[in-house]
């Protein structure tokens, strides 16, 4: 999973759900700084968080981590 691809997906999902980084951080019991690092590709969440992140956006983990191959 490429950090930048994952970060872009998190940012896209968050915006689609009209959430700020802070609001997402609260839902995930994380800091807004951690969300920012994910979105900028500087870090990835712990694998144990993936189900909670996916659930927050009402998608499956497979959809969350899938890398888009669209042109």
Protein backbone atom coordinates (compact mmCIF):
# COMPACT_ATOMS: atom_id res chain seq x y z
CA UNK A 1 0.00 0.00 0.00
CA UNK A 2 1.60 3.22 -1.18
CA UNK A 3 1.40 5.93 1.52
CA UNK A 4 0.56 8.67 -0.99
CA UNK A 5 -2.20 6.65 -2.68
CA UNK A 6 -3.67 5.72 0.71
CA UNK A 7 -3.38 9.32 1.91
CA UNK A 8 -5.20 10.63 -1.14
CA UNK A 9 -7.95 8.08 -0.62
CA UNK A 10 -8.39 9.06 3.04
CA UNK A 11 -8.54 12.75 2.12
CA UNK A 12 -11.05 12.05 -0.66
CA UNK A 13 -13.29 9.93 1.59
CA UNK A 14 -13.08 12.44 4.42
CA UNK A 15 -14.10 15.32 2.16
CA UNK A 16 -16.85 13.23 0.54
CA UNK A 17 -18.29 12.72 4.04
CA UNK A 18 -17.92 16.43 4.86
CA UNK A 19 -15.49 15.77 7.71
CA UNK A 20 -12.56 17.80 8.89
CA UNK A 21 -9.31 16.10 9.85
CA UNK A 22 -10.18 16.87 13.46
CA UNK A 23 -13.63 15.25 13.17
CA UNK A 24 -12.13 12.11 11.62
CA UNK A 25 -9.44 12.05 14.29
CA UNK A 26 -12.07 12.18 17.04
CA UNK A 27 -14.03 9.30 15.45
CA UNK A 28 -10.86 7.22 15.30
CA UNK A 29 -9.49 8.28 18.71
CA UNK A 30 -6.44 9.71 16.96
CA UNK A 31 -4.83 13.12 16.72
CA UNK A 32 -5.56 15.43 13.81
CA UNK A 33 -1.79 15.47 13.27
CA UNK A 34 -1.86 11.71 12.62
CA UNK A 35 -4.62 12.15 10.04
CA UNK A 36 -2.60 14.92 8.39
CA UNK A 37 0.44 12.63 8.20
CA UNK A 38 -1.64 9.90 6.55
CA UNK A 39 -3.08 12.33 4.02
CA UNK A 40 0.33 13.71 3.09
CA UNK A 41 1.85 10.24 2.78
CA UNK A 42 4.28 10.73 5.66
CA UNK A 43 2.90 7.73 7.56
CA UNK A 44 0.32 4.96 7.44
CA UNK A 45 -2.15 3.92 10.13
CA UNK A 46 -1.60 0.79 12.16
CA UNK A 47 -3.14 -2.16 10.34
CA UNK A 48 -5.44 -2.78 13.33
CA UNK A 49 -7.13 0.58 12.58
CA UNK A 50 -8.13 -0.31 9.02
CA UNK A 51 -11.50 -1.89 9.95
CA UNK A 52 -12.43 1.15 12.05
CA UNK A 53 -11.42 3.55 9.27
CA UNK A 54 -13.37 1.55 6.68
CA UNK A 55 -16.41 1.39 8.96
CA UNK A 56 -16.28 5.16 9.47
CA UNK A 57 -16.69 5.62 5.72
CA UNK A 58 -19.16 2.70 5.31
CA UNK A 59 -16.84 0.76 2.99
CA UNK A 60 -14.94 -2.50 3.21
CA UNK A 61 -11.28 -2.74 4.17
CA UNK A 62 -10.56 -4.12 0.69
CA UNK A 63 -12.00 -0.96 -0.88
CA UNK A 64 -10.05 1.21 1.56
CA UNK A 65 -6.69 -0.31 0.65
CA UNK A 66 -7.33 -0.98 -3.04
CA UNK A 67 -5.09 1.05 -5.29
CA UNK A 68 -7.00 2.60 -8.16
CA UNK A 69 -5.72 1.79 -11.61
CA UNK A 70 -7.79 4.38 -13.43
CA UNK A 71 -6.13 6.54 -16.06
